[in-house]
Amino acid sequence: MYMKSRLMVYKAILWLHITRLERYKYGFLNMILIDVMWYLIFLLGALMFVPSNEYLTIAVITFWGIVLWVIMNNSVWLIAGWTWFALASGLVEEHFLYNVNPLIFIAGRFLTGISVTLATIPVVLTIFSSIAGSYIFYVYSPVYLGLGMILMLIYSTLYSLILVALSLRTSVPGVMLDVFNIFMYVGGGIGVPVARMPEALRYFALAMPYTHAAEILRYGVLGLKPYYGLENELIIASIYIIVLATITYIVIKIVMKYVRRHGVRAIGIM
């Protein structure tokens, strides 16, 4: 009975977010256009200084690095940045009344984020192919390409839930608590293969879970051997899922205990 009721809760949350996505379809299209502009700005800016003999390889690495960065960025803005709306609408208290963790409801926003990303990629690929040629469509292993994207989605969703929990506790918007977003593209190994990074920065990048998702994705796209080897990267990526999920669970449990006792406070709007 308990499992059946939980399943109904999850189905209701998914239905709500899918319905909301359909209802606000023009806002959805607007997010796609914004993402397309971000892609093109980063791509064209990064490729202006690339030597011609490395252009095609760097173009592919840069494009898929930006894909991962956009997944992370969308998760932060669409999950962590949405908490104030859930509070202002009274949805947090409503879920408490029905004994449902409001963070599960807020986490459902990952559907919006991944929908925007999946809709944006074909558009940018089509536009960018006129610059980089058909080589941009080449994929070495679709399985590892997909795995890298799934890992990034898991990592960024868990990270965003930590920001949501902290924003409920501190009343600071989750987006303002984010300290990794911009720096992670280069410093975190998302946009640059670890083997090509300066040694001092390399150690920092290897400590970040996002780097290992990017290394696996680059193997899937171009067959570039990950810094620690493919098998080791898969093990490390799995360990990071367990560690990050454990940290997220502990933070949420502590914050929810506090919120149930003291109530929720308003969160500022960005």
C-alpha atoms as a PDB file:
ATOM      1  CA  MET A   1       0.000   0.000   0.000  1.00  0.00           C
ATOM      2  CA  TYR A   2       2.813   2.417   0.910  1.00  0.00           C
ATOM      3  CA  MET A   3       4.666   1.770  -2.359  1.00  0.00           C
ATOM      4  CA  LYS A   4       1.451   2.232  -4.323  1.00  0.00           C
ATOM      5  CA  SER A   5       0.737   5.584  -2.652  1.00  0.00           C
ATOM      6  CA  ARG A   6       4.315   6.789  -3.274  1.00  0.00           C
ATOM      7  CA  LEU A   7       4.038   5.765  -6.905  1.00  0.00           C
ATOM      8  CA  MET A   8       0.838   7.784  -7.217  1.00  0.00           C
ATOM      9  CA  VAL A   9       2.636  10.802  -5.732  1.00  0.00           C
ATOM     10  CA  TYR A  10       5.466  10.533  -8.267  1.00  0.00           C
ATOM     11  CA  LYS A  11       3.004  10.117 -11.135  1.00  0.00           C
ATOM     12  CA  ALA A  12       1.072  13.185  -9.960  1.00  0.00           C
ATOM     13  CA  ILE A  13       4.263  15.264  -9.762  1.00  0.00           C
ATOM     14  CA  LEU A  14       5.351  14.193 -13.246  1.00  0.00           C
ATOM     15  CA  TRP A  15       1.864  14.909 -14.602  1.00  0.00           C
ATOM     16  CA  LEU A  16       1.907  18.373 -13.018  1.00  0.00           C
ATOM     17  CA  HIS A  17       5.248  19.358 -14.551  1.00  0.00           C
ATOM     18  CA  ILE A  18       4.371  17.957 -17.975  1.00  0.00           C
ATOM     19  CA  THR A  19       1.039  19.810 -17.925  1.00  0.00           C
ATOM     20  CA  ARG A  20       2.756  23.012 -16.828  1.00  0.00           C
ATOM     21  CA  LEU A  21       5.310  22.629 -19.620  1.00  0.00           C
ATOM     22  CA  GLU A  22       2.511  22.303 -22.161  1.00  0.00           C
ATOM     23  CA  ARG A  23       0.545  25.220 -20.726  1.00  0.00           C
ATOM     24  CA  TYR A  24       3.548  27.549 -20.764  1.00  0.00           C
ATOM     25  CA  LYS A  25       4.690  26.479 -24.235  1.00  0.00           C
ATOM     26  CA  TYR A  26       5.714  29.988 -25.276  1.00  0.00           C
ATOM     27  CA  GLY A  27       7.945  30.297 -22.238  1.00  0.00           C
ATOM     28  CA  PHE A  28       9.377  26.900 -23.188  1.00  0.00           C
ATOM     29  CA  LEU A  29      10.144  28.159 -26.704  1.00  0.00           C
ATOM     30  CA  ASN A  30      11.703  31.280 -25.222  1.00  0.00           C
ATOM     31  CA  MET A  31      14.050  29.151 -23.095  1.00  0.00           C
ATOM     32  CA  ILE A  32      15.069  27.196 -26.199  1.00  0.00           C
ATOM     33  CA  LEU A  33      15.911  30.417 -28.065  1.00  0.00           C
ATOM     34  CA  ILE A  34      17.932  31.696 -25.102  1.00  0.00           C
ATOM     35  CA  ASP A  35      19.873  28.426 -24.947  1.00  0.00           C
ATOM     36  CA  VAL A  36      20.546  28.561 -28.699  1.00  0.00           C
ATOM     37  CA  MET A  37      22.035  32.042 -28.290  1.00  0.00           C
ATOM     38  CA  TRP A  38      24.202  30.859 -25.364  1.00  0.00           C
ATOM     39  CA  TYR A  39      25.480  27.945 -27.449  1.00  0.00           C
ATOM     40  CA  LEU A  40      26.382  30.127 -30.411  1.00  0.00           C
ATOM     41  CA  ILE A  41      28.020  32.842 -28.295  1.00  0.00           C
ATOM     42  CA  PHE A  42      30.225  30.315 -26.503  1.00  0.00           C
ATOM     43  CA  LEU A  43      30.980  28.299 -29.638  1.00  0.00           C
ATOM     44  CA  LEU A  44      31.903  31.194 -31.878  1.00  0.00           C
ATOM     45  CA  GLY A  45      33.855  32.920 -29.101  1.00  0.00           C
ATOM     46  CA  ALA A  46      35.839  29.805 -28.211  1.00  0.00           C
ATOM     47  CA  LEU A  47      36.621  28.845 -31.812  1.00  0.00           C
ATOM     48  CA  MET A  48      37.916  32.255 -32.904  1.00  0.00           C
ATOM     49  CA  PHE A  49      41.390  31.449 -31.550  1.00  0.00           C
ATOM     50  CA  VAL A  50      41.666  27.768 -32.519  1.00  0.00           C
ATOM     51  CA  PRO A  51      44.438  26.756 -34.993  1.00  0.00           C
ATOM     52  CA  SER A  52      43.019  25.554 -38.313  1.00  0.00           C
ATOM     53  CA  ASN A  53      44.658  22.114 -38.018  1.00  0.00           C
ATOM     54  CA  GLU A  54      42.764  21.436 -34.754  1.00  0.00           C
ATOM     55  CA  TYR A  55      39.551  23.217 -35.658  1.00  0.00           C
ATOM     56  CA  LEU A  56      37.253  20.239 -36.262  1.00  0.00           C
ATOM     57  CA  THR A  57      38.297  18.305 -33.146  1.00  0.00           C
ATOM     58  CA  ILE A  58      38.112  21.364 -30.896  1.00  0.00           C
ATOM     59  CA  ALA A  59      34.752  22.327 -32.420  1.00  0.00           C
ATOM     60  CA  VAL A  60      33.252  18.959 -31.453  1.00  0.00           C
ATOM     61  CA  ILE A  61      34.793  19.029 -27.950  1.00  0.00           C
ATOM     62  CA  THR A  62      33.588  22.599 -27.423  1.00  0.00           C
ATOM     63  CA  PHE A  63      30.060  21.887 -28.632  1.00  0.00           C
ATOM     64  CA  TRP A  64      29.479  18.875 -26.386  1.00  0.00           C
ATOM     65  CA  GLY A  65      31.189  20.607 -23.475  1.00  0.00           C
ATOM     66  CA  ILE A  66      28.663  23.417 -23.808  1.00  0.00           C
ATOM     67  CA  VAL A  67      25.858  20.833 -23.928  1.00  0.00           C
ATOM     68  CA  LEU A  68      26.981  19.533 -20.517  1.00  0.00           C
ATOM     69  CA  TRP A  69      27.364  23.049 -19.146  1.00  0.00           C
ATOM     70  CA  VAL A  70      23.845  23.978 -20.315  1.00  0.00           C
ATOM     71  CA  ILE A  71      22.436  20.851 -18.613  1.00  0.00           C
ATOM     72  CA  MET A  72      24.069  21.978 -15.369  1.00  0.00           C
ATOM     73  CA  ASN A  73      23.044  25.606 -15.826  1.00  0.00           C
ATOM     74  CA  ASN A  74      19.428  24.717 -16.631  1.00  0.00           C
ATOM     75  CA  SER A  75      19.225  22.497 -13.550  1.00  0.00           C
ATOM     76  CA  VAL A  76      20.444  25.297 -11.292  1.00  0.00           C
ATOM     77  CA  TRP A  77      18.110  27.907 -12.754  1.00  0.00           C
ATOM     78  CA  LEU A  78      15.034  25.742 -13.326  1.00  0.00           C
ATOM     79  CA  ILE A  79      15.221  23.763 -10.071  1.00  0.00           C
ATOM     80  CA  ALA A  80      17.109  25.871  -7.525  1.00  0.00           C
ATOM     81  CA  GLY A  81      15.827  29.110  -9.041  1.00  0.00           C
ATOM     82  CA  TRP A  82      12.197  27.959  -8.883  1.00  0.00           C
ATOM     83  CA  THR A  83      11.987  27.537  -5.101  1.00  0.00           C
ATOM     84  CA  TRP A  84      10.747  31.076  -4.493  1.00  0.00           C
ATOM     85  CA  PHE A  85       7.796  30.446  -6.843  1.00  0.00           C
ATOM     86  CA  ALA A  86       6.851  27.237  -5.014  1.00  0.00           C
ATOM     87  CA  LEU A  87       6.937  29.125  -1.703  1.00  0.00           C
ATOM     88  CA  ALA A  88       5.072  32.182  -2.979  1.00  0.00           C
ATOM     89  CA  SER A  89       2.334  29.932  -4.403  1.00  0.00           C
ATOM     90  CA  GLY A  90       1.917  28.073  -1.116  1.00  0.00           C
ATOM     91  CA  LEU A  91       2.918  24.791  -2.743  1.00  0.00           C
ATOM     92  CA  VAL A  92       5.546  23.943  -0.128  1.00  0.00           C
ATOM     93  CA  GLU A  93       3.047  24.019   2.753  1.00  0.00           C
ATOM     94  CA  GLU A  94       0.489  22.200   0.582  1.00  0.00           C
ATOM     95  CA  HIS A  95       2.860  19.283   0.101  1.00  0.00           C
ATOM     96  CA  PHE A  96       3.667  19.218   3.818  1.00  0.00           C
ATOM     97  CA  LEU A  97      -0.059  18.861   4.553  1.00  0.00           C
ATOM     98  CA  TYR A  98      -0.189  15.748   2.370  1.00  0.00           C
ATOM     99  CA  ASN A  99       3.016  14.383   3.902  1.00  0.00           C
ATOM    100  CA  VAL A 100       4.938  14.768   0.642  1.00  0.00           C
ATOM    101  CA  ASN A 101       8.458  16.168   0.640  1.00  0.00           C
ATOM    102  CA  PRO A 102       8.209  19.441  -1.340  1.00  0.00           C
ATOM    103  CA  LEU A 103      11.729  18.925  -2.655  1.00  0.00           C
ATOM    104  CA  ILE A 104      10.509  15.885  -4.600  1.00  0.00           C
ATOM    105  CA  PHE A 105       7.941  18.155  -6.220  1.00  0.00           C
ATOM    106  CA  ILE A 106      10.563  20.822  -6.999  1.00  0.00           C
ATOM    107  CA  ALA A 107      12.983  18.181  -8.325  1.00  0.00           C
ATOM    108  CA  GLY A 108      10.422  17.381 -11.022  1.00  0.00           C
ATOM    109  CA  ARG A 109      11.601  20.530 -12.765  1.00  0.00           C
ATOM    110  CA  PHE A 110      14.434  18.459 -14.204  1.00  0.00           C
ATOM    111  CA  LEU A 111      11.878  17.477 -16.868  1.00  0.00           C
ATOM    112  CA  THR A 112      11.740  21.082 -18.045  1.00  0.00           C
ATOM    113  CA  GLY A 113      15.520  21.369 -18.071  1.00  0.00           C
ATOM    114  CA  ILE A 114      16.179  18.193 -20.043  1.00  0.00           C
ATOM    115  CA  SER A 115      13.309  18.995 -22.446  1.00  0.00           C
ATOM    116  CA  VAL A 116      14.878  22.373 -23.237  1.00  0.00           C
ATOM    117  CA  THR A 117      18.293  20.759 -23.754  1.00  0.00           C
ATOM    118  CA  LEU A 118      16.988  17.982 -26.016  1.00  0.00           C
ATOM    119  CA  ALA A 119      15.012  20.479 -28.095  1.00  0.00           C
ATOM    120  CA  THR A 120      17.982  22.848 -28.377  1.00  0.00           C
ATOM    121  CA  ILE A 121      20.683  20.367 -29.460  1.00  0.00           C
ATOM    122  CA  PRO A 122      19.240  19.597 -32.959  1.00  0.00           C
ATOM    123  CA  VAL A 123      18.724  23.316 -33.652  1.00  0.00           C
ATOM    124  CA  VAL A 124      22.292  24.252 -32.703  1.00  0.00           C
ATOM    125  CA  LEU A 125      23.741  21.217 -34.512  1.00  0.00           C
ATOM    126  CA  THR A 126      21.964  22.257 -37.702  1.00  0.00           C
ATOM    127  CA  ILE A 127      23.180  25.862 -37.447  1.00  0.00           C
ATOM    128  CA  PHE A 128      26.707  24.914 -36.408  1.00  0.00           C
ATOM    129  CA  SER A 129      27.085  22.301 -39.160  1.00  0.00           C
ATOM    130  CA  SER A 130      27.226  25.159 -41.686  1.00  0.00           C
ATOM    131  CA  ILE A 131      30.401  26.324 -39.904  1.00  0.00           C
ATOM    132  CA  ALA A 132      32.062  23.081 -38.804  1.00  0.00           C
ATOM    133  CA  GLY A 133      30.701  20.800 -41.522  1.00  0.00           C
ATOM    134  CA  SER A 134      29.146  17.356 -41.204  1.00  0.00           C
ATOM    135  CA  TYR A 135      31.973  16.218 -38.884  1.00  0.00           C
ATOM    136  CA  ILE A 136      30.004  17.734 -36.009  1.00  0.00           C
ATOM    137  CA  PHE A 137      27.427  14.921 -36.426  1.00  0.00           C
ATOM    138  CA  TYR A 138      30.035  12.179 -35.981  1.00  0.00           C
ATOM    139  CA  VAL A 139      29.655  10.082 -32.821  1.00  0.00           C
ATOM    140  CA  TYR A 140      32.142   7.374 -31.811  1.00  0.00           C
ATOM    141  CA  SER A 141      29.848   5.607 -29.309  1.00  0.00           C
ATOM    142  CA  PRO A 142      26.226   6.744 -28.808  1.00  0.00           C
ATOM    143  CA  VAL A 143      26.037   4.636 -25.621  1.00  0.00           C
ATOM    144  CA  TYR A 144      28.797   6.543 -23.830  1.00  0.00           C
ATOM    145  CA  LEU A 145      27.576   9.845 -25.249  1.00  0.00           C
ATOM    146  CA  GLY A 146      24.169   9.187 -23.690  1.00  0.00           C
ATOM    147  CA  LEU A 147      25.740   7.929 -20.466  1.00  0.00           C
ATOM    148  CA  GLY A 148      27.783  11.113 -20.096  1.00  0.00           C
ATOM    149  CA  MET A 149      24.654  13.246 -20.498  1.00  0.00           C
ATOM    150  CA  ILE A 150      22.685  11.106 -18.023  1.00  0.00           C
ATOM    151  CA  LEU A 151      25.489  11.351 -15.455  1.00  0.00           C
ATOM    152  CA  MET A 152      25.581  15.128 -15.844  1.00  0.00           C
ATOM    153  CA  LEU A 153      21.799  15.286 -15.401  1.00  0.00           C
ATOM    154  CA  ILE A 154      22.008  13.206 -12.205  1.00  0.00           C
ATOM    155  CA  TYR A 155      24.894  15.229 -10.755  1.00  0.00           C
ATOM    156  CA  SER A 156      23.355  18.597 -11.571  1.00  0.00           C
ATOM    157  CA  THR A 157      19.905  17.593 -10.252  1.00  0.00           C
ATOM    158  CA  LEU A 158      21.378  16.411  -6.936  1.00  0.00           C
ATOM    159  CA  TYR A 159      23.484  19.573  -6.700  1.00  0.00           C
ATOM    160  CA  SER A 160      20.418  21.719  -7.413  1.00  0.00           C
ATOM    161  CA  LEU A 161      18.435  19.933  -4.681  1.00  0.00           C
ATOM    162  CA  ILE A 162      21.197  20.778  -2.203  1.00  0.00           C
ATOM    163  CA  LEU A 163      20.865  24.432  -3.265  1.00  0.00           C
ATOM    164  CA  VAL A 164      17.069  24.228  -2.861  1.00  0.00           C
ATOM    165  CA  ALA A 165      17.410  22.816   0.657  1.00  0.00           C
ATOM    166  CA  LEU A 166      19.946  25.477   1.631  1.00  0.00           C
ATOM    167  CA  SER A 167      17.733  28.226   0.214  1.00  0.00           C
ATOM    168  CA  LEU A 168      14.815  27.011   2.368  1.00  0.00           C
ATOM    169  CA  ARG A 169      17.086  27.198   5.398  1.00  0.00           C
ATOM    170  CA  THR A 170      18.816  30.507   4.631  1.00  0.00           C
ATOM    171  CA  SER A 171      16.144  32.390   2.610  1.00  0.00           C
ATOM    172  CA  VAL A 172      18.817  33.062  -0.028  1.00  0.00           C
ATOM    173  CA  PRO A 173      17.819  32.122  -3.619  1.00  0.00           C
ATOM    174  CA  GLY A 174      19.446  28.880  -4.716  1.00  0.00           C
ATOM    175  CA  VAL A 175      20.887  30.564  -7.814  1.00  0.00           C
ATOM    176  CA  MET A 176      22.828  32.983  -5.592  1.00  0.00           C
ATOM    177  CA  LEU A 177      24.222  30.059  -3.583  1.00  0.00           C
ATOM    178  CA  ASP A 178      25.652  28.486  -6.736  1.00  0.00           C
ATOM    179  CA  VAL A 179      29.423  28.977  -6.879  1.00  0.00           C
ATOM    180  CA  PHE A 180      30.398  26.429  -9.536  1.00  0.00           C
ATOM    181  CA  ASN A 181      28.340  27.231 -12.597  1.00  0.00           C
ATOM    182  CA  ILE A 182      30.558  29.498 -14.710  1.00  0.00           C
ATOM    183  CA  PHE A 183      33.910  28.260 -13.397  1.00  0.00           C
ATOM    184  CA  MET A 184      33.062  24.604 -14.001  1.00  0.00           C
ATOM    185  CA  TYR A 185      33.151  24.920 -17.794  1.00  0.00           C
ATOM    186  CA  VAL A 186      36.941  25.320 -17.903  1.00  0.00           C
ATOM    187  CA  GLY A 187      38.123  24.801 -14.326  1.00  0.00           C
ATOM    188  CA  GLY A 188      35.908  21.781 -13.835  1.00  0.00           C
ATOM    189  CA  GLY A 189      36.967  19.967 -16.972  1.00  0.00           C
ATOM    190  CA  ILE A 190      33.604  20.194 -18.735  1.00  0.00           C
ATOM    191  CA  GLY A 191      34.866  22.118 -21.756  1.00  0.00           C
ATOM    192  CA  VAL A 192      38.521  21.031 -21.724  1.00  0.00           C
ATOM    193  CA  PRO A 193      39.886  17.452 -21.656  1.00  0.00           C
ATOM    194  CA  VAL A 194      41.658  16.800 -18.354  1.00  0.00           C
ATOM    195  CA  ALA A 195      44.866  15.729 -20.116  1.00  0.00           C
ATOM    196  CA  ARG A 196      45.154  19.217 -21.685  1.00  0.00           C
ATOM    197  CA  MET A 197      44.633  21.151 -18.454  1.00  0.00           C
ATOM    198  CA  PRO A 198      47.421  22.777 -16.390  1.00  0.00           C
ATOM    199  CA  GLU A 199      48.559  20.419 -13.635  1.00  0.00           C
ATOM    200  CA  ALA A 200      47.379  22.618 -10.741  1.00  0.00           C
ATOM    201  CA  LEU A 201      43.910  22.979 -12.258  1.00  0.00           C
ATOM    202  CA  ARG A 202      43.792  19.305 -13.219  1.00  0.00           C
ATOM    203  CA  TYR A 203      43.681  18.122  -9.597  1.00  0.00           C
ATOM    204  CA  PHE A 204      40.761  20.425  -8.842  1.00  0.00           C
ATOM    205  CA  ALA A 205      38.918  19.237 -11.946  1.00  0.00           C
ATOM    206  CA  LEU A 206      39.393  15.569 -11.048  1.00  0.00           C
ATOM    207  CA  ALA A 207      37.795  16.225  -7.652  1.00  0.00           C
ATOM    208  CA  MET A 208      34.587  17.398  -9.373  1.00  0.00           C
ATOM    209  CA  PRO A 209      31.981  14.801 -10.435  1.00  0.00           C
ATOM    210  CA  TYR A 210      31.091  16.775 -13.575  1.00  0.00           C
ATOM    211  CA  THR A 211      34.588  16.221 -14.973  1.00  0.00           C
ATOM    212  CA  HIS A 212      34.129  12.465 -15.055  1.00  0.00           C
ATOM    213  CA  ALA A 213      30.789  12.767 -16.855  1.00  0.00           C
ATOM    214  CA  ALA A 214      32.541  14.973 -19.429  1.00  0.00           C
ATOM    215  CA  GLU A 215      35.438  12.530 -19.864  1.00  0.00           C
ATOM    216  CA  ILE A 216      32.984   9.694 -20.560  1.00  0.00           C
ATOM    217  CA  LEU A 217      31.018  11.872 -22.986  1.00  0.00           C
ATOM    218  CA  ARG A 218      34.187  12.884 -24.874  1.00  0.00           C
ATOM    219  CA  TYR A 219      35.013   9.209 -25.273  1.00  0.00           C
ATOM    220  CA  GLY A 220      31.536   8.651 -26.677  1.00  0.00           C
ATOM    221  CA  VAL A 221      31.864  11.529 -29.136  1.00  0.00           C
ATOM    222  CA  LEU A 222      35.454  11.260 -30.377  1.00  0.00           C
ATOM    223  CA  GLY A 223      36.879   8.137 -28.764  1.00  0.00           C
ATOM    224  CA  LEU A 224      39.240  10.269 -26.643  1.00  0.00           C
ATOM    225  CA  LYS A 225      40.652   8.079 -23.895  1.00  0.00           C
ATOM    226  CA  PRO A 226      39.597   9.376 -20.439  1.00  0.00           C
ATOM    227  CA  TYR A 227      42.375  10.541 -18.128  1.00  0.00           C
ATOM    228  CA  TYR A 228      42.013   7.539 -15.793  1.00  0.00           C
ATOM    229  CA  GLY A 229      40.890   5.114 -18.495  1.00  0.00           C
ATOM    230  CA  LEU A 230      37.296   4.271 -19.392  1.00  0.00           C
ATOM    231  CA  GLU A 231      36.710   1.494 -16.842  1.00  0.00           C
ATOM    232  CA  ASN A 232      38.132   3.566 -13.978  1.00  0.00           C
ATOM    233  CA  GLU A 233      36.054   6.568 -15.031  1.00  0.00           C
ATOM    234  CA  LEU A 234      32.891   4.467 -14.941  1.00  0.00           C
ATOM    235  CA  ILE A 235      33.747   3.296 -11.414  1.00  0.00           C
ATOM    236  CA  ILE A 236      34.595   6.829 -10.242  1.00  0.00           C
ATOM    237  CA  ALA A 237      31.399   8.216 -11.793  1.00  0.00           C
ATOM    238  CA  SER A 238      29.331   5.582  -9.961  1.00  0.00           C
ATOM    239  CA  ILE A 239      31.053   6.365  -6.653  1.00  0.00           C
ATOM    240  CA  TYR A 240      30.307  10.069  -7.118  1.00  0.00           C
ATOM    241  CA  ILE A 241      26.617   9.300  -7.637  1.00  0.00           C
ATOM    242  CA  ILE A 242      26.527   7.438  -4.309  1.00  0.00           C
ATOM    243  CA  VAL A 243      28.496  10.149  -2.478  1.00  0.00           C
ATOM    244  CA  LEU A 244      26.502  13.053  -3.909  1.00  0.00           C
ATOM    245  CA  ALA A 245      23.180  11.265  -3.330  1.00  0.00           C
ATOM    246  CA  THR A 246      24.174  10.587   0.296  1.00  0.00           C
ATOM    247  CA  ILE A 247      25.158  14.226   0.881  1.00  0.00           C
ATOM    248  CA  THR A 248      21.919  15.395  -0.746  1.00  0.00           C
ATOM    249  CA  TYR A 249      19.849  13.039   1.413  1.00  0.00           C
ATOM    250  CA  ILE A 250      21.548  14.191   4.640  1.00  0.00           C
ATOM    251  CA  VAL A 251      21.213  17.898   3.793  1.00  0.00           C
ATOM    252  CA  ILE A 252      17.551  17.512   2.822  1.00  0.00           C
ATOM    253  CA  LYS A 253      16.749  15.498   5.946  1.00  0.00           C
ATOM    254  CA  ILE A 254      18.342  18.106   8.238  1.00  0.00           C
ATOM    255  CA  VAL A 255      16.694  21.042   6.469  1.00  0.00           C
ATOM    256  CA  MET A 256      13.258  19.400   6.297  1.00  0.00           C
ATOM    257  CA  LYS A 257      13.413  18.651  10.018  1.00  0.00           C
ATOM    258  CA  TYR A 258      14.164  22.322  10.671  1.00  0.00           C
ATOM    259  CA  VAL A 259      11.458  23.560   8.280  1.00  0.00           C
ATOM    260  CA  ARG A 260       8.788  21.287   9.775  1.00  0.00           C
ATOM    261  CA  ARG A 261       9.604  22.631  13.228  1.00  0.00           C
ATOM    262  CA  HIS A 262      10.093  26.328  12.445  1.00  0.00           C
ATOM    263  CA  GLY A 263       8.211  26.763   9.173  1.00  0.00           C
ATOM    264  CA  VAL A 264       9.408  28.179   5.864  1.00  0.00           C
ATOM    265  CA  ARG A 265      10.542  31.724   5.252  1.00  0.00           C
ATOM    266  CA  ALA A 266      10.204  33.816   2.123  1.00  0.00           C
ATOM    267  CA  ILE A 267      13.001  33.602  -0.429  1.00  0.00           C
ATOM    268  CA  GLY A 268      14.123  36.650  -2.357  1.00  0.00           C
ATOM    269  CA  ILE A 269      13.593  36.871  -6.115  1.00  0.00           C
ATOM    270  CA  MET A 270      16.559  37.107  -8.471  1.00  0.00           C
END
